[in-house]
PDB file of N, CA and C in Angstrom:
ATOM      1  N   MET A   1    -114.536  11.250  84.673  1.00  0.00           N
ATOM      2  CA  MET A   1    -115.324  11.485  83.976  1.00  0.00           C
ATOM      3  C   MET A   1    -114.924  10.439  82.938  1.00  0.00           C
ATOM      4  N   VAL A   2    -115.960   9.697  82.131  1.00  0.00           N
ATOM      5  CA  VAL A   2    -115.927   8.526  81.497  1.00  0.00           C
ATOM      6  C   VAL A   2    -116.157   9.265  79.779  1.00  0.00           C
ATOM      7  N   LYS A   3    -114.921   8.848  79.212  1.00  0.00           N
ATOM      8  CA  LYS A   3    -115.356   9.284  77.352  1.00  0.00           C
ATOM      9  C   LYS A   3    -115.821   7.766  76.815  1.00  0.00           C
ATOM     10  N   ARG A   4    -116.820   7.905  76.060  1.00  0.00           N
ATOM     11  CA  ARG A   4    -117.596   7.181  75.000  1.00  0.00           C
ATOM     12  C   ARG A   4    -117.164   7.290  74.242  1.00  0.00           C
ATOM     13  N   GLU A   5    -117.230   6.161  73.287  1.00  0.00           N
ATOM     14  CA  GLU A   5    -116.572   5.504  71.704  1.00  0.00           C
ATOM     15  C   GLU A   5    -117.957   5.774  71.150  1.00  0.00           C
ATOM     16  N   GLY A   6    -117.936   6.030  69.860  1.00  0.00           N
ATOM     17  CA  GLY A   6    -119.120   6.307  69.012  1.00  0.00           C
ATOM     18  C   GLY A   6    -119.593   4.886  68.292  1.00  0.00           C
ATOM     19  N   PRO A   7    -120.487   4.370  67.714  1.00  0.00           N
ATOM     20  CA  PRO A   7    -120.340   3.214  67.207  1.00  0.00           C
ATOM     21  C   PRO A   7    -119.618   2.935  66.344  1.00  0.00           C
ATOM     22  N   ALA A   8    -119.363   1.200  66.323  1.00  0.00           N
ATOM     23  CA  ALA A   8    -118.150   0.944  65.572  1.00  0.00           C
ATOM     24  C   ALA A   8    -118.558   0.936  63.911  1.00  0.00           C
ATOM     25  N   SER A   9    -119.589   0.884  63.378  1.00  0.00           N
ATOM     26  CA  SER A   9    -120.218   1.101  62.215  1.00  0.00           C
ATOM     27  C   SER A   9    -121.456   1.778  61.972  1.00  0.00           C
ATOM     28  N   PRO A  10    -120.617   2.832  60.948  1.00  0.00           N
ATOM     29  CA  PRO A  10    -121.531   3.857  60.359  1.00  0.00           C
ATOM     30  C   PRO A  10    -122.788   4.010  60.743  1.00  0.00           C
ATOM     31  N   VAL A  11    -123.669   5.039  61.357  1.00  0.00           N
ATOM     32  CA  VAL A  11    -125.061   4.955  61.488  1.00  0.00           C
ATOM     33  C   VAL A  11    -125.441   5.941  60.287  1.00  0.00           C
ATOM     34  N   SER A  12    -126.916   5.364  59.669  1.00  0.00           N
ATOM     35  CA  SER A  12    -127.120   5.568  58.537  1.00  0.00           C
ATOM     36  C   SER A  12    -127.823   7.361  58.891  1.00  0.00           C
ATOM     37  N   SER A  13    -128.164   7.913  57.902  1.00  0.00           N
ATOM     38  CA  SER A  13    -128.568   9.185  58.558  1.00  0.00           C
ATOM     39  C   SER A  13    -130.470   8.808  58.489  1.00  0.00           C
ATOM     40  N   ASP A  14    -130.975   7.480  57.863  1.00  0.00           N
ATOM     41  CA  ASP A  14    -132.134   7.118  58.134  1.00  0.00           C
ATOM     42  C   ASP A  14    -132.492   6.513  59.417  1.00  0.00           C
ATOM     43  N   VAL A  15    -132.994   7.263  59.907  1.00  0.00           N
ATOM     44  CA  VAL A  15    -133.025   7.218  61.471  1.00  0.00           C
ATOM     45  C   VAL A  15    -134.308   6.120  61.550  1.00  0.00           C
ATOM     46  N   SER A  16    -135.298   6.929  61.437  1.00  0.00           N
ATOM     47  CA  SER A  16    -136.749   6.321  61.358  1.00  0.00           C
ATOM     48  C   SER A  16    -137.001   5.277  60.807  1.00  0.00           C
ATOM     49  N   ASN A  17    -136.160   4.318  60.144  1.00  0.00           N
ATOM     50  CA  ASN A  17    -136.618   2.695  59.938  1.00  0.00           C
ATOM     51  C   ASN A  17    -135.790   2.284  60.612  1.00  0.00           C
ATOM     52  N   SER A  18    -134.971   2.277  61.578  1.00  0.00           N
ATOM     53  CA  SER A  18    -134.566   1.815  62.119  1.00  0.00           C
ATOM     54  C   SER A  18    -134.414   1.579  63.731  1.00  0.00           C
ATOM     55  N   THR A  19    -134.001   0.107  64.169  1.00  0.00           N
ATOM     56  CA  THR A  19    -134.583   0.371  65.580  1.00  0.00           C
ATOM     57  C   THR A  19    -133.342   0.978  66.490  1.00  0.00           C
ATOM     58  N   LEU A  20    -132.491   0.601  66.081  1.00  0.00           N
ATOM     59  CA  LEU A  20    -131.133   1.109  67.013  1.00  0.00           C
ATOM     60  C   LEU A  20    -130.858   2.550  66.667  1.00  0.00           C
ATOM     61  N   THR A  21    -129.841   2.887  68.291  1.00  0.00           N
ATOM     62  CA  THR A  21    -129.953   4.034  68.291  1.00  0.00           C
ATOM     63  C   THR A  21    -128.488   4.164  67.968  1.00  0.00           C
ATOM     64  N   PRO A  22    -127.636   5.131  67.971  1.00  0.00           N
ATOM     65  CA  PRO A  22    -126.242   5.639  67.513  1.00  0.00           C
ATOM     66  C   PRO A  22    -125.796   4.877  68.432  1.00  0.00           C
ATOM     67  N   TYR A  23    -125.772   4.660  69.899  1.00  0.00           N
ATOM     68  CA  TYR A  23    -124.797   4.024  70.663  1.00  0.00           C
ATOM     69  C   TYR A  23    -125.058   2.440  70.766  1.00  0.00           C
ATOM     70  N   ASP A  24    -126.154   1.910  70.280  1.00  0.00           N
ATOM     71  CA  ASP A  24    -126.710   0.573  70.354  1.00  0.00           C
ATOM     72  C   ASP A  24    -124.826  -0.448  69.780  1.00  0.00           C
ATOM     73  N   SER A  25    -124.908  -1.617  70.085  1.00  0.00           N
ATOM     74  CA  SER A  25    -123.910  -2.502  69.331  1.00  0.00           C
ATOM     75  C   SER A  25    -124.893  -3.224  68.131  1.00  0.00           C
ATOM     76  N   ILE A  26    -124.426  -3.865  67.194  1.00  0.00           N
ATOM     77  CA  ILE A  26    -124.498  -4.126  66.154  1.00  0.00           C
ATOM     78  C   ILE A  26    -125.092  -5.510  66.839  1.00  0.00           C
ATOM     79  N   SER A  27    -124.146  -6.215  67.662  1.00  0.00           N
ATOM     80  CA  SER A  27    -124.281  -7.950  67.236  1.00  0.00           C
ATOM     81  C   SER A  27    -124.998  -7.639  69.257  1.00  0.00           C
ATOM     82  N   ILE A  28    -125.982  -8.274  69.765  1.00  0.00           N
ATOM     83  CA  ILE A  28    -126.595  -8.283  70.873  1.00  0.00           C
ATOM     84  C   ILE A  28    -125.551  -8.620  72.084  1.00  0.00           C
ATOM     85  N   LYS A  29    -124.675  -9.167  71.737  1.00  0.00           N
ATOM     86  CA  LYS A  29    -123.518  -9.905  72.570  1.00  0.00           C
ATOM     87  C   LYS A  29    -122.344  -9.729  72.371  1.00  0.00           C
ATOM     88  N   ASP A  30    -121.490  -9.046  73.117  1.00  0.00           N
ATOM     89  CA  ASP A  30    -120.138  -9.787  72.914  1.00  0.00           C
ATOM     90  C   ASP A  30    -119.370 -10.733  72.899  1.00  0.00           C
ATOM     91  N   GLU A  31    -119.203 -11.441  71.255  1.00  0.00           N
ATOM     92  CA  GLU A  31    -118.591 -12.531  71.652  1.00  0.00           C
ATOM     93  C   GLU A  31    -116.995 -12.839  71.445  1.00  0.00           C
ATOM     94  N   LYS A  32    -116.747 -13.664  72.366  1.00  0.00           N
ATOM     95  CA  LYS A  32    -115.100 -13.536  72.734  1.00  0.00           C
ATOM     96  C   LYS A  32    -114.585 -14.913  71.935  1.00  0.00           C
ATOM     97  N   PRO A  33    -113.728 -14.696  72.111  1.00  0.00           N
ATOM     98  CA  PRO A  33    -112.781 -16.480  71.502  1.00  0.00           C
ATOM     99  C   PRO A  33    -113.089 -17.422  72.171  1.00  0.00           C
ATOM    100  N   PRO A  34    -113.616 -18.673  72.245  1.00  0.00           N
ATOM    101  CA  PRO A  34    -113.270 -19.719  73.194  1.00  0.00           C
ATOM    102  C   PRO A  34    -112.048 -19.756  73.735  1.00  0.00           C
ATOM    103  N   VAL A  35    -111.792 -19.673  75.121  1.00  0.00           N
ATOM    104  CA  VAL A  35    -111.152 -19.936  76.145  1.00  0.00           C
ATOM    105  C   VAL A  35    -110.162 -21.639  75.988  1.00  0.00           C
ATOM    106  N   ASN A  36    -108.821 -21.874  75.278  1.00  0.00           N
ATOM    107  CA  ASN A  36    -108.695 -23.278  75.286  1.00  0.00           C
ATOM    108  C   ASN A  36    -107.628 -23.476  76.471  1.00  0.00           C
ATOM    109  N   ASN A  37    -107.602 -23.994  77.491  1.00  0.00           N
ATOM    110  CA  ASN A  37    -106.993 -24.346  78.544  1.00  0.00           C
ATOM    111  C   ASN A  37    -106.161 -25.286  78.296  1.00  0.00           C
ATOM    112  N   LYS A  38    -106.112 -25.976  77.221  1.00  0.00           N
ATOM    113  CA  LYS A  38    -104.979 -27.121  76.807  1.00  0.00           C
ATOM    114  C   LYS A  38    -103.640 -26.480  76.429  1.00  0.00           C
ATOM    115  N   LYS A  39    -102.568 -26.890  77.069  1.00  0.00           N
ATOM    116  CA  LYS A  39    -101.472 -26.431  76.637  1.00  0.00           C
ATOM    117  C   LYS A  39    -100.907 -26.651  75.204  1.00  0.00           C
ATOM    118  N   VAL A  40    -100.001 -26.044  74.725  1.00  0.00           N
ATOM    119  CA  VAL A  40     -99.577 -25.696  73.449  1.00  0.00           C
ATOM    120  C   VAL A  40     -98.650 -26.738  73.118  1.00  0.00           C
ATOM    121  N   ARG A  41     -98.643 -27.465  72.432  1.00  0.00           N
ATOM    122  CA  ARG A  41     -97.301 -28.150  71.748  1.00  0.00           C
ATOM    123  C   ARG A  41     -96.395 -27.257  70.940  1.00  0.00           C
ATOM    124  N   CYS A  42     -94.767 -27.324  71.300  1.00  0.00           N
ATOM    125  CA  CYS A  42     -94.470 -27.410  70.182  1.00  0.00           C
ATOM    126  C   CYS A  42     -93.619 -28.102  69.304  1.00  0.00           C
ATOM    127  N   SER A  43     -93.382 -29.248  69.620  1.00  0.00           N
ATOM    128  CA  SER A  43     -93.309 -30.167  68.826  1.00  0.00           C
ATOM    129  C   SER A  43     -93.977 -31.252  68.645  1.00  0.00           C
ATOM    130  N   PRO A  44     -94.160 -32.140  67.634  1.00  0.00           N
ATOM    131  CA  PRO A  44     -94.878 -33.025  68.012  1.00  0.00           C
ATOM    132  C   PRO A  44     -94.477 -34.334  68.930  1.00  0.00           C
ATOM    133  N   LYS A  45     -95.704 -35.045  69.719  1.00  0.00           N
ATOM    134  CA  LYS A  45     -95.337 -36.126  70.402  1.00  0.00           C
ATOM    135  C   LYS A  45     -94.493 -37.093  69.468  1.00  0.00           C
ATOM    136  N   LYS A  46     -93.454 -37.626  70.240  1.00  0.00           N
ATOM    137  CA  LYS A  46     -92.751 -38.908  69.269  1.00  0.00           C
ATOM    138  C   LYS A  46     -93.503 -40.288  70.172  1.00  0.00           C
ATOM    139  N   GLU A  47     -93.475 -41.314  69.331  1.00  0.00           N
ATOM    140  CA  GLU A  47     -93.750 -42.147  69.826  1.00  0.00           C
ATOM    141  C   GLU A  47     -92.528 -43.589  69.470  1.00  0.00           C
ATOM    142  N   ASN A  48     -92.272 -44.094  71.061  1.00  0.00           N
ATOM    143  CA  ASN A  48     -91.485 -44.879  71.275  1.00  0.00           C
ATOM    144  C   ASN A  48     -89.946 -44.630  70.553  1.00  0.00           C
ATOM    145  N   GLY A  49     -89.685 -42.953  70.081  1.00  0.00           N
ATOM    146  CA  GLY A  49     -88.081 -42.679  69.692  1.00  0.00           C
ATOM    147  C   GLY A  49     -87.542 -43.504  68.988  1.00  0.00           C
ATOM    148  N   GLY A  50     -88.108 -44.357  67.932  1.00  0.00           N
ATOM    149  CA  GLY A  50     -87.708 -45.303  66.961  1.00  0.00           C
ATOM    150  C   GLY A  50     -87.944 -44.111  65.918  1.00  0.00           C
ATOM    151  N   LYS A  51     -87.985 -44.994  64.627  1.00  0.00           N
ATOM    152  CA  LYS A  51     -88.313 -44.372  62.992  1.00  0.00           C
ATOM    153  C   LYS A  51     -89.941 -44.485  63.244  1.00  0.00           C
ATOM    154  N   GLY A  52     -90.571 -45.374  63.797  1.00  0.00           N
ATOM    155  CA  GLY A  52     -91.750 -45.343  63.879  1.00  0.00           C
ATOM    156  C   GLY A  52     -92.325 -46.757  62.795  1.00  0.00           C
ATOM    157  N   GLY A  53     -91.428 -47.772  62.371  1.00  0.00           N
ATOM    158  CA  GLY A  53     -91.452 -48.599  61.295  1.00  0.00           C
ATOM    159  C   GLY A  53     -91.574 -49.936  62.213  1.00  0.00           C
ATOM    160  N   THR A  54     -91.371 -50.856  61.427  1.00  0.00           N
ATOM    161  CA  THR A  54     -91.605 -52.360  62.001  1.00  0.00           C
ATOM    162  C   THR A  54     -89.917 -52.472  62.125  1.00  0.00           C
ATOM    163  N   LYS A  55     -89.895 -53.206  62.869  1.00  0.00           N
ATOM    164  CA  LYS A  55     -88.546 -54.217  63.408  1.00  0.00           C
ATOM    165  C   LYS A  55     -88.088 -54.790  62.206  1.00  0.00           C
ATOM    166  N   VAL A  56     -86.901 -54.408  61.902  1.00  0.00           N
ATOM    167  CA  VAL A  56     -85.627 -55.129  60.803  1.00  0.00           C
ATOM    168  C   VAL A  56     -84.877 -55.817  61.533  1.00  0.00           C
ATOM    169  N   PRO A  57     -84.718 -57.372  61.812  1.00  0.00           N
ATOM    170  CA  PRO A  57     -83.864 -57.704  62.189  1.00  0.00           C
ATOM    171  C   PRO A  57     -82.366 -57.868  61.572  1.00  0.00           C
ATOM    172  N   TRP A  58     -81.290 -57.898  62.399  1.00  0.00           N
ATOM    173  CA  TRP A  58     -80.288 -57.632  61.969  1.00  0.00           C
ATOM    174  C   TRP A  58     -79.976 -59.069  60.608  1.00  0.00           C
ATOM    175  N   SER A  59     -79.085 -59.075  59.787  1.00  0.00           N
ATOM    176  CA  SER A  59     -78.846 -59.813  58.423  1.00  0.00           C
ATOM    177  C   SER A  59     -76.878 -60.313  59.267  1.00  0.00           C
ATOM    178  N   ILE A  60     -77.302 -61.278  58.895  1.00  0.00           N
ATOM    179  CA  ILE A  60     -76.041 -62.074  59.449  1.00  0.00           C
ATOM    180  C   ILE A  60     -74.614 -60.972  58.919  1.00  0.00           C
ATOM    181  N   GLU A  61     -74.566 -60.773  57.441  1.00  0.00           N
ATOM    182  CA  GLU A  61     -73.766 -59.722  56.870  1.00  0.00           C
ATOM    183  C   GLU A  61     -73.163 -58.338  58.027  1.00  0.00           C
ATOM    184  N   GLU A  62     -74.417 -57.957  58.266  1.00  0.00           N
ATOM    185  CA  GLU A  62     -74.427 -56.915  59.699  1.00  0.00           C
ATOM    186  C   GLU A  62     -73.826 -57.269  61.316  1.00  0.00           C
ATOM    187  N   ASP A  63     -74.196 -58.145  61.615  1.00  0.00           N
ATOM    188  CA  ASP A  63     -73.514 -59.153  62.489  1.00  0.00           C
ATOM    189  C   ASP A  63     -72.144 -58.833  62.385  1.00  0.00           C
ATOM    190  N   GLU A  64     -71.677 -59.669  61.043  1.00  0.00           N
ATOM    191  CA  GLU A  64     -70.254 -59.979  60.874  1.00  0.00           C
ATOM    192  C   GLU A  64     -69.518 -58.240  61.086  1.00  0.00           C
ATOM    193  N   ALA A  65     -70.437 -57.583  60.570  1.00  0.00           N
ATOM    194  CA  ALA A  65     -69.387 -56.251  59.663  1.00  0.00           C
ATOM    195  C   ALA A  65     -69.564 -55.698  61.376  1.00  0.00           C
ATOM    196  N   LEU A  66     -70.191 -55.713  62.278  1.00  0.00           N
ATOM    197  CA  LEU A  66     -70.347 -55.175  63.445  1.00  0.00           C
ATOM    198  C   LEU A  66     -69.556 -55.940  64.578  1.00  0.00           C
ATOM    199  N   ILE A  67     -69.334 -57.396  64.153  1.00  0.00           N
ATOM    200  CA  ILE A  67     -68.345 -57.959  65.307  1.00  0.00           C
ATOM    201  C   ILE A  67     -66.954 -57.329  64.873  1.00  0.00           C
ATOM    202  N   VAL A  68     -66.704 -57.341  63.686  1.00  0.00           N
ATOM    203  CA  VAL A  68     -65.090 -57.219  63.349  1.00  0.00           C
ATOM    204  C   VAL A  68     -64.862 -55.671  63.926  1.00  0.00           C
ATOM    205  N   ILE A  69     -66.027 -54.478  63.659  1.00  0.00           N
ATOM    206  CA  ILE A  69     -65.557 -53.399  64.353  1.00  0.00           C
ATOM    207  C   ILE A  69     -65.341 -53.355  65.890  1.00  0.00           C
ATOM    208  N   LEU A  70     -66.065 -54.265  66.327  1.00  0.00           N
ATOM    209  CA  LEU A  70     -65.865 -54.181  68.071  1.00  0.00           C
ATOM    210  C   LEU A  70     -64.540 -55.255  68.465  1.00  0.00           C
ATOM    211  N   ASP A  71     -63.902 -56.025  67.521  1.00  0.00           N
ATOM    212  CA  ASP A  71     -62.893 -56.867  67.980  1.00  0.00           C
ATOM    213  C   ASP A  71     -62.158 -55.896  67.447  1.00  0.00           C
ATOM    214  N   GLN A  72     -62.272 -54.744  66.576  1.00  0.00           N
ATOM    215  CA  GLN A  72     -60.870 -54.098  65.964  1.00  0.00           C
ATOM    216  C   GLN A  72     -61.275 -52.887  67.037  1.00  0.00           C
ATOM    217  N   ILE A  73     -62.125 -52.673  67.465  1.00  0.00           N
ATOM    218  CA  ILE A  73     -61.960 -51.604  68.835  1.00  0.00           C
ATOM    219  C   ILE A  73     -61.417 -52.341  70.326  1.00  0.00           C
ATOM    220  N   ILE A  74     -61.843 -53.299  70.784  1.00  0.00           N
ATOM    221  CA  ILE A  74     -61.251 -53.967  71.699  1.00  0.00           C
ATOM    222  C   ILE A  74     -59.794 -54.334  71.757  1.00  0.00           C
ATOM    223  N   LYS A  75     -59.369 -54.548  70.611  1.00  0.00           N
ATOM    224  CA  LYS A  75     -57.689 -54.872  70.259  1.00  0.00           C
ATOM    225  C   LYS A  75     -57.018 -53.516  70.046  1.00  0.00           C
ATOM    226  N   CYS A  76     -57.615 -52.876  69.801  1.00  0.00           N
ATOM    227  CA  CYS A  76     -56.654 -51.110  69.308  1.00  0.00           C
ATOM    228  C   CYS A  76     -57.110 -50.243  70.682  1.00  0.00           C
ATOM    229  N   GLN A  77     -57.790 -49.898  71.321  1.00  0.00           N
ATOM    230  CA  GLN A  77     -58.040 -48.898  72.207  1.00  0.00           C
ATOM    231  C   GLN A  77     -58.604 -49.717  73.838  1.00  0.00           C
ATOM    232  N   LEU A  78     -58.686 -50.616  73.940  1.00  0.00           N
ATOM    233  CA  LEU A  78     -58.672 -51.527  75.612  1.00  0.00           C
ATOM    234  C   LEU A  78     -57.800 -51.206  76.361  1.00  0.00           C
ATOM    235  N   TRP A  79     -56.447 -52.063  75.297  1.00  0.00           N
ATOM    236  CA  TRP A  79     -55.746 -51.861  76.646  1.00  0.00           C
ATOM    237  C   TRP A  79     -55.015 -50.297  76.730  1.00  0.00           C
ATOM    238  N   PRO A  80     -55.016 -49.644  75.696  1.00  0.00           N
ATOM    239  CA  PRO A  80     -54.471 -48.154  76.351  1.00  0.00           C
ATOM    240  C   PRO A  80     -55.691 -47.363  76.914  1.00  0.00           C
ATOM    241  N   ALA A  81     -56.666 -47.939  77.248  1.00  0.00           N
ATOM    242  CA  ALA A  81     -57.862 -47.252  77.825  1.00  0.00           C
ATOM    243  C   ALA A  81     -57.528 -47.978  79.275  1.00  0.00           C
ATOM    244  N   ILE A  82     -56.692 -49.031  79.401  1.00  0.00           N
ATOM    245  CA  ILE A  82     -56.874 -49.838  80.715  1.00  0.00           C
ATOM    246  C   ILE A  82     -55.778 -49.105  81.680  1.00  0.00           C
ATOM    247  N   LYS A  83     -54.745 -49.144  80.699  1.00  0.00           N
ATOM    248  CA  LYS A  83     -53.398 -48.379  81.256  1.00  0.00           C
ATOM    249  C   LYS A  83     -53.846 -47.182  81.822  1.00  0.00           C
ATOM    250  N   SER A  84     -54.183 -46.302  80.863  1.00  0.00           N
ATOM    251  CA  SER A  84     -54.284 -44.533  80.907  1.00  0.00           C
ATOM    252  C   SER A  84     -55.661 -44.384  82.488  1.00  0.00           C
ATOM    253  N   SER A  85     -56.409 -45.363  82.785  1.00  0.00           N
ATOM    254  CA  SER A  85     -57.021 -45.155  83.736  1.00  0.00           C
ATOM    255  C   SER A  85     -56.228 -45.544  85.238  1.00  0.00           C
ATOM    256  N   GLY A  86     -55.169 -46.495  85.126  1.00  0.00           N
ATOM    257  CA  GLY A  86     -54.073 -46.781  86.597  1.00  0.00           C
ATOM    258  C   GLY A  86     -54.499 -47.690  87.314  1.00  0.00           C
ATOM    259  N   ASN A  87     -55.646 -48.518  86.921  1.00  0.00           N
ATOM    260  CA  ASN A  87     -56.448 -49.429  87.768  1.00  0.00           C
ATOM    261  C   ASN A  87     -55.667 -50.785  87.535  1.00  0.00           C
ATOM    262  N   SER A  88     -54.519 -51.117  88.859  1.00  0.00           N
ATOM    263  CA  SER A  88     -53.612 -52.063  88.676  1.00  0.00           C
ATOM    264  C   SER A  88     -54.414 -53.425  88.799  1.00  0.00           C
ATOM    265  N   GLN A  89     -55.151 -53.432  89.102  1.00  0.00           N
ATOM    266  CA  GLN A  89     -55.891 -55.289  89.063  1.00  0.00           C
ATOM    267  C   GLN A  89     -55.869 -55.537  87.348  1.00  0.00           C
ATOM    268  N   LEU A  90     -56.764 -54.770  86.873  1.00  0.00           N
ATOM    269  CA  LEU A  90     -57.075 -54.854  85.591  1.00  0.00           C
ATOM    270  C   LEU A  90     -55.822 -54.649  84.519  1.00  0.00           C
ATOM    271  N   ILE A  91     -54.518 -53.823  85.158  1.00  0.00           N
ATOM    272  CA  ILE A  91     -53.200 -53.860  84.241  1.00  0.00           C
ATOM    273  C   ILE A  91     -52.760 -55.253  85.021  1.00  0.00           C
ATOM    274  N   GLN A  92     -52.685 -55.982  85.511  1.00  0.00           N
ATOM    275  CA  GLN A  92     -52.055 -56.952  85.899  1.00  0.00           C
ATOM    276  C   GLN A  92     -52.986 -58.138  85.265  1.00  0.00           C
ATOM    277  N   ARG A  93     -53.840 -57.938  84.821  1.00  0.00           N
ATOM    278  CA  ARG A  93     -54.146 -59.026  83.688  1.00  0.00           C
ATOM    279  C   ARG A  93     -53.669 -59.374  82.388  1.00  0.00           C
ATOM    280  N   GLY A  94     -53.714 -57.946  81.941  1.00  0.00           N
ATOM    281  CA  GLY A  94     -52.958 -57.794  80.883  1.00  0.00           C
ATOM    282  C   GLY A  94     -53.446 -57.753  79.965  1.00  0.00           C
ATOM    283  N   SER A  95     -53.314 -57.624  78.177  1.00  0.00           N
ATOM    284  CA  SER A  95     -53.599 -57.215  77.309  1.00  0.00           C
ATOM    285  C   SER A  95     -55.088 -58.193  76.543  1.00  0.00           C
ATOM    286  N   TYR A  96     -54.146 -59.661  76.595  1.00  0.00           N
ATOM    287  CA  TYR A  96     -54.970 -60.776  76.192  1.00  0.00           C
ATOM    288  C   TYR A  96     -56.144 -61.021  77.053  1.00  0.00           C
ATOM    289  N   GLY A  97     -55.825 -61.002  77.965  1.00  0.00           N
ATOM    290  CA  GLY A  97     -56.632 -61.477  79.031  1.00  0.00           C
ATOM    291  C   GLY A  97     -57.781 -60.246  79.210  1.00  0.00           C
ATOM    292  N   ALA A  98     -57.656 -59.132  79.014  1.00  0.00           N
ATOM    293  CA  ALA A  98     -59.013 -58.418  79.199  1.00  0.00           C
ATOM    294  C   ALA A  98     -59.525 -58.300  78.340  1.00  0.00           C
ATOM    295  N   GLN A  99     -58.579 -58.111  76.742  1.00  0.00           N
ATOM    296  CA  GLN A  99     -59.800 -58.322  75.136  1.00  0.00           C
ATOM    297  C   GLN A  99     -60.525 -59.728  75.594  1.00  0.00           C
ATOM    298  N   TYR A 100     -59.867 -60.933  75.843  1.00  0.00           N
ATOM    299  CA  TYR A 100     -60.735 -61.842  76.395  1.00  0.00           C
ATOM    300  C   TYR A 100     -62.142 -61.715  76.986  1.00  0.00           C
ATOM    301  N   HIS A 101     -61.996 -61.015  78.078  1.00  0.00           N
ATOM    302  CA  HIS A 101     -62.891 -60.999  79.004  1.00  0.00           C
ATOM    303  C   HIS A 101     -63.903 -59.923  78.467  1.00  0.00           C
ATOM    304  N   ALA A 102     -63.269 -59.041  77.903  1.00  0.00           N
ATOM    305  CA  ALA A 102     -64.369 -58.460  77.325  1.00  0.00           C
ATOM    306  C   ALA A 102     -65.227 -58.373  76.124  1.00  0.00           C
ATOM    307  N   LYS A 103     -64.891 -59.896  75.239  1.00  0.00           N
ATOM    308  CA  LYS A 103     -65.223 -60.242  74.317  1.00  0.00           C
ATOM    309  C   LYS A 103     -66.299 -61.058  75.305  1.00  0.00           C
ATOM    310  N   LEU A 104     -66.069 -61.402  76.079  1.00  0.00           N
ATOM    311  CA  LEU A 104     -67.145 -62.629  76.804  1.00  0.00           C
ATOM    312  C   LEU A 104     -67.959 -61.610  77.437  1.00  0.00           C
ATOM    313  N   LEU A 105     -67.858 -60.938  77.904  1.00  0.00           N
ATOM    314  CA  LEU A 105     -68.846 -59.686  79.008  1.00  0.00           C
ATOM    315  C   LEU A 105     -69.999 -59.500  77.442  1.00  0.00           C
ATOM    316  N   LEU A 106     -69.200 -59.110  76.577  1.00  0.00           N
ATOM    317  CA  LEU A 106     -70.107 -58.546  75.309  1.00  0.00           C
ATOM    318  C   LEU A 106     -71.175 -59.593  75.335  1.00  0.00           C
ATOM    319  N   LYS A 107     -70.673 -60.835  74.972  1.00  0.00           N
ATOM    320  CA  LYS A 107     -71.238 -61.775  74.063  1.00  0.00           C
ATOM    321  C   LYS A 107     -72.185 -62.259  75.560  1.00  0.00           C
ATOM    322  N   GLN A 108     -72.072 -61.724  77.042  1.00  0.00           N
ATOM    323  CA  GLN A 108     -73.090 -62.370  77.904  1.00  0.00           C
ATOM    324  C   GLN A 108     -74.049 -61.209  78.080  1.00  0.00           C
ATOM    325  N   GLY A 109     -73.924 -60.221  77.748  1.00  0.00           N
ATOM    326  CA  GLY A 109     -74.673 -58.842  77.571  1.00  0.00           C
ATOM    327  C   GLY A 109     -74.439 -58.144  78.870  1.00  0.00           C
ATOM    328  N   LYS A 110     -73.540 -58.532  79.692  1.00  0.00           N
ATOM    329  CA  LYS A 110     -73.052 -57.209  80.550  1.00  0.00           C
ATOM    330  C   LYS A 110     -72.208 -56.261  80.407  1.00  0.00           C
ATOM    331  N   THR A 111     -73.130 -55.655  79.786  1.00  0.00           N
ATOM    332  CA  THR A 111     -72.335 -54.343  79.912  1.00  0.00           C
ATOM    333  C   THR A 111     -72.922 -53.695  80.699  1.00  0.00           C
ATOM    334  N   SER A 112     -72.304 -51.905  80.904  1.00  0.00           N
ATOM    335  CA  SER A 112     -72.770 -50.697  81.836  1.00  0.00           C
ATOM    336  C   SER A 112     -74.537 -50.661  81.271  1.00  0.00           C
ATOM    337  N   SER A 113     -74.633 -50.606  79.973  1.00  0.00           N
ATOM    338  CA  SER A 113     -76.024 -49.965  79.815  1.00  0.00           C
ATOM    339  C   SER A 113     -77.235 -51.253  80.411  1.00  0.00           C
ATOM    340  N   ALA A 114     -76.553 -52.465  80.012  1.00  0.00           N
ATOM    341  CA  ALA A 114     -77.847 -53.688  80.426  1.00  0.00           C
ATOM    342  C   ALA A 114     -77.313 -53.924  82.106  1.00  0.00           C
ATOM    343  N   LEU A 115     -76.249 -53.582  82.843  1.00  0.00           N
ATOM    344  CA  LEU A 115     -76.431 -53.707  84.402  1.00  0.00           C
ATOM    345  C   LEU A 115     -77.224 -52.514  84.629  1.00  0.00           C
ATOM    346  N   SER A 116     -77.824 -51.273  84.044  1.00  0.00           N
ATOM    347  CA  SER A 116     -78.460 -50.020  84.278  1.00  0.00           C
ATOM    348  C   SER A 116     -79.856 -50.503  84.698  1.00  0.00           C
ATOM    349  N   ARG A 117     -80.023 -51.039  83.642  1.00  0.00           N
ATOM    350  CA  ARG A 117     -81.562 -51.273  83.348  1.00  0.00           C
ATOM    351  C   ARG A 117     -82.318 -52.521  84.145  1.00  0.00           C
ATOM    352  N   LYS A 118     -81.019 -53.005  85.029  1.00  0.00           N
ATOM    353  CA  LYS A 118     -81.591 -53.833  86.576  1.00  0.00           C
ATOM    354  C   LYS A 118     -81.878 -53.527  87.469  1.00  0.00           C
TER     355      LYS A 118
END
C-alpha cells in the first residue's frame, strides 16, 4: 500500500477558478540543484610556496650577519658532532681541518640540499 501526501501548498476552497487539482504540484517539474562534480578544496592553493611577493636580494649586512652565525655554528657545534658520530676518518682530520673544509664546502654550494637536487 502506497501512502500519498497532500499538496505542499494549501489548496484554496475556490476550485472552480483554478485548473489545479488537489494533488497537482505547483511547479511543472521538480527542480534539483545542479550536481557539481568538482572536488571541494579545503584550503586555497599556494603558488610557489613563498610569500607571493617579488624577490628581494640579500643586503651586504644580512650576508655578513649570516656568515658570523654560520662561523659560530661551525666553530662551536661541528667538532662535537664529528666526535659523537664516531667517524674515525673525520676525527683524524682534526677540528681545524674539519672547520676549514666545512666553510669551503659551503662556499662551493656542496651541501646535502645541493647534492639532492642533482
